[in-house]
Amino acid sequence: MTKGKVVQFRRGRHTIQEKHFLIQIDGVIKKNDAEKFIGKEVTWKSPSGKIIAGKISGTHGIKGIVRAIFERGLPGQAVTTEVNILTSEIKNDKSSSQDTKREIK
């Protein structure tokens, strides 16, 4: 699991996309590194314990910031708070264990 920080709503000059957020991932400073996270799941946990899930949809600019679309819009208090990014390492472990089961049979 990787940590990130909600930087801002995705916005234009006159409009704000309520479900779209920009996220800075810890340790990622280039666009090429950020592209590896496209399609990964993101979760934000509120102070009361509610979890809102989303998905990384693409990069934003050249400095390693990514765009995430959440199921429900996050509250304004979510800006500058941490999010968890679920990496595929866990999923790969499960698939590799299934492959070994198939080979044994």
C-alpha atoms as a PDB file:
ATOM      1  CA  MET A   1       0.000   0.000   0.000  1.00  0.00           C
ATOM      2  CA  THR A   2       1.297   3.419  -0.951  1.00  0.00           C
ATOM      3  CA  LYS A   3       0.418   6.730   0.688  1.00  0.00           C
ATOM      4  CA  GLY A   4      -0.561   9.899  -1.100  1.00  0.00           C
ATOM      5  CA  LYS A   5      -1.889  13.363  -0.328  1.00  0.00           C
ATOM      6  CA  VAL A   6      -4.999  15.055  -1.714  1.00  0.00           C
ATOM      7  CA  VAL A   7      -3.745  18.263  -3.289  1.00  0.00           C
ATOM      8  CA  GLN A   8      -6.881  19.861  -4.773  1.00  0.00           C
ATOM      9  CA  PHE A   9     -10.157  19.355  -6.576  1.00  0.00           C
ATOM     10  CA  ARG A  10      -9.816  19.009 -10.327  1.00  0.00           C
ATOM     11  CA  ARG A  11     -11.052  22.349 -11.528  1.00  0.00           C
ATOM     12  CA  GLY A  12     -11.323  24.797 -14.348  1.00  0.00           C
ATOM     13  CA  ARG A  13     -11.685  28.524 -14.380  1.00  0.00           C
ATOM     14  CA  HIS A  14     -15.405  28.479 -13.584  1.00  0.00           C
ATOM     15  CA  THR A  15     -16.176  24.922 -12.524  1.00  0.00           C
ATOM     16  CA  ILE A  16     -15.060  22.351  -9.971  1.00  0.00           C
ATOM     17  CA  GLN A  17     -15.355  18.620 -10.618  1.00  0.00           C
ATOM     18  CA  GLU A  18     -16.755  17.341  -7.311  1.00  0.00           C
ATOM     19  CA  LYS A  19     -15.679  13.703  -7.715  1.00  0.00           C
ATOM     20  CA  HIS A  20     -12.289  14.388  -9.309  1.00  0.00           C
ATOM     21  CA  PHE A  21      -9.229  15.063  -7.153  1.00  0.00           C
ATOM     22  CA  LEU A  22      -5.541  15.628  -7.742  1.00  0.00           C
ATOM     23  CA  ILE A  23      -3.277  13.418  -5.628  1.00  0.00           C
ATOM     24  CA  GLN A  24       0.461  13.667  -4.970  1.00  0.00           C
ATOM     25  CA  ILE A  25       1.925  10.199  -4.385  1.00  0.00           C
ATOM     26  CA  ASP A  26       4.835   9.920  -1.941  1.00  0.00           C
ATOM     27  CA  GLY A  27       8.142   9.378  -3.736  1.00  0.00           C
ATOM     28  CA  VAL A  28       6.791  10.096  -7.233  1.00  0.00           C
ATOM     29  CA  ILE A  29       8.242  13.172  -8.921  1.00  0.00           C
ATOM     30  CA  LYS A  30       7.983  12.367 -12.647  1.00  0.00           C
ATOM     31  CA  LYS A  31       5.139  11.669 -15.039  1.00  0.00           C
ATOM     32  CA  ASN A  32       6.653   8.319 -16.082  1.00  0.00           C
ATOM     33  CA  ASP A  33       6.598   7.092 -12.470  1.00  0.00           C
ATOM     34  CA  ALA A  34       3.018   8.302 -11.981  1.00  0.00           C
ATOM     35  CA  GLU A  35       1.773   6.415 -15.062  1.00  0.00           C
ATOM     36  CA  LYS A  36       2.420   3.129 -13.231  1.00  0.00           C
ATOM     37  CA  PHE A  37      -0.404   3.955 -10.796  1.00  0.00           C
ATOM     38  CA  ILE A  38      -3.141   4.427 -13.429  1.00  0.00           C
ATOM     39  CA  GLY A  39      -6.020   2.047 -12.728  1.00  0.00           C
ATOM     40  CA  LYS A  40      -5.109   1.487  -9.069  1.00  0.00           C
ATOM     41  CA  GLU A  41      -7.711   1.854  -6.321  1.00  0.00           C
ATOM     42  CA  VAL A  42      -7.611   4.752  -3.870  1.00  0.00           C
ATOM     43  CA  THR A  43      -9.295   4.961  -0.458  1.00  0.00           C
ATOM     44  CA  TRP A  44      -9.841   7.938   1.806  1.00  0.00           C
ATOM     45  CA  LYS A  45     -10.817   7.484   5.430  1.00  0.00           C
ATOM     46  CA  SER A  46     -12.745  10.230   7.201  1.00  0.00           C
ATOM     47  CA  PRO A  47     -12.128  11.144  10.846  1.00  0.00           C
ATOM     48  CA  SER A  48     -15.396   9.365  11.742  1.00  0.00           C
ATOM     49  CA  GLY A  49     -14.205   6.154  10.038  1.00  0.00           C
ATOM     50  CA  LYS A  50     -16.130   6.320   6.746  1.00  0.00           C
ATOM     51  CA  ILE A  51     -14.191   4.988   3.762  1.00  0.00           C
ATOM     52  CA  ILE A  52     -14.716   6.426   0.290  1.00  0.00           C
ATOM     53  CA  ALA A  53     -13.146   4.534  -2.611  1.00  0.00           C
ATOM     54  CA  GLY A  54     -11.981   5.754  -5.983  1.00  0.00           C
ATOM     55  CA  LYS A  55      -9.727   4.927  -8.903  1.00  0.00           C
ATOM     56  CA  ILE A  56      -6.726   6.675 -10.456  1.00  0.00           C
ATOM     57  CA  SER A  57      -7.713   7.732 -13.962  1.00  0.00           C
ATOM     58  CA  GLY A  58      -4.602   9.440 -15.317  1.00  0.00           C
ATOM     59  CA  THR A  59      -1.701  11.781 -14.750  1.00  0.00           C
ATOM     60  CA  HIS A  60      -1.897  15.532 -14.327  1.00  0.00           C
ATOM     61  CA  GLY A  61       1.022  17.532 -15.651  1.00  0.00           C
ATOM     62  CA  ILE A  62       4.666  16.458 -15.644  1.00  0.00           C
ATOM     63  CA  LYS A  63       5.466  16.513 -11.923  1.00  0.00           C
ATOM     64  CA  GLY A  64       3.981  13.156 -10.933  1.00  0.00           C
ATOM     65  CA  ILE A  65       0.520  14.238  -9.790  1.00  0.00           C
ATOM     66  CA  VAL A  66      -2.365  11.903 -10.659  1.00  0.00           C
ATOM     67  CA  ARG A  67      -6.125  12.363 -11.099  1.00  0.00           C
ATOM     68  CA  ALA A  68      -8.479  10.187  -9.095  1.00  0.00           C
ATOM     69  CA  ILE A  69     -12.233   9.784  -9.530  1.00  0.00           C
ATOM     70  CA  PHE A  70     -14.111   8.827  -6.367  1.00  0.00           C
ATOM     71  CA  GLU A  71     -17.467   7.032  -6.134  1.00  0.00           C
ATOM     72  CA  ARG A  72     -18.862   9.847  -4.037  1.00  0.00           C
ATOM     73  CA  GLY A  73     -17.412  13.314  -3.804  1.00  0.00           C
ATOM     74  CA  LEU A  74     -15.000  13.896  -0.951  1.00  0.00           C
ATOM     75  CA  PRO A  75     -15.706  16.737   1.469  1.00  0.00           C
ATOM     76  CA  GLY A  76     -13.639  19.908   1.321  1.00  0.00           C
ATOM     77  CA  GLN A  77     -11.894  18.845   4.527  1.00  0.00           C
ATOM     78  CA  ALA A  78     -10.243  16.023   2.544  1.00  0.00           C
ATOM     79  CA  VAL A  79      -7.854  18.469   0.863  1.00  0.00           C
ATOM     80  CA  THR A  80      -4.321  18.054   2.338  1.00  0.00           C
ATOM     81  CA  THR A  81      -5.217  14.732   4.002  1.00  0.00           C
ATOM     82  CA  GLU A  82      -3.752  11.290   3.301  1.00  0.00           C
ATOM     83  CA  VAL A  83      -5.131   8.629   0.985  1.00  0.00           C
ATOM     84  CA  ASN A  84      -4.104   4.991   0.583  1.00  0.00           C
ATOM     85  CA  ILE A  85      -3.301   3.624  -2.859  1.00  0.00           C
ATOM     86  CA  LEU A  86      -3.737  -0.122  -3.188  1.00  0.00           C
ATOM     87  CA  THR A  87      -0.944  -1.516  -5.343  1.00  0.00           C
ATOM     88  CA  SER A  88      -1.280  -4.679  -7.393  1.00  0.00           C
ATOM     89  CA  GLU A  89       1.401  -6.570  -5.425  1.00  0.00           C
ATOM     90  CA  ILE A  90      -1.276  -8.181  -3.260  1.00  0.00           C
ATOM     91  CA  LYS A  91      -3.322  -9.213  -6.300  1.00  0.00           C
ATOM     92  CA  ASN A  92      -0.245 -10.669  -8.013  1.00  0.00           C
ATOM     93  CA  ASP A  93       0.520 -12.821  -4.961  1.00  0.00           C
ATOM     94  CA  LYS A  94      -2.985 -14.272  -5.100  1.00  0.00           C
ATOM     95  CA  SER A  95      -2.761 -15.002  -8.814  1.00  0.00           C
ATOM     96  CA  SER A  96       0.652 -16.634  -8.463  1.00  0.00           C
ATOM     97  CA  SER A  97      -0.657 -18.902  -5.693  1.00  0.00           C
ATOM     98  CA  GLN A  98      -3.543 -19.914  -7.965  1.00  0.00           C
ATOM     99  CA  ASP A  99      -1.071 -20.731 -10.751  1.00  0.00           C
ATOM    100  CA  THR A 100       0.874 -23.035  -8.449  1.00  0.00           C
ATOM    101  CA  LYS A 101      -2.362 -24.800  -7.475  1.00  0.00           C
ATOM    102  CA  ARG A 102      -3.141 -25.404 -11.132  1.00  0.00           C
ATOM    103  CA  GLU A 103       0.328 -26.848 -11.724  1.00  0.00           C
ATOM    104  CA  ILE A 104      -0.010 -29.242  -8.788  1.00  0.00           C
ATOM    105  CA  LYS A 105      -3.290 -30.686 -10.097  1.00  0.00           C
END
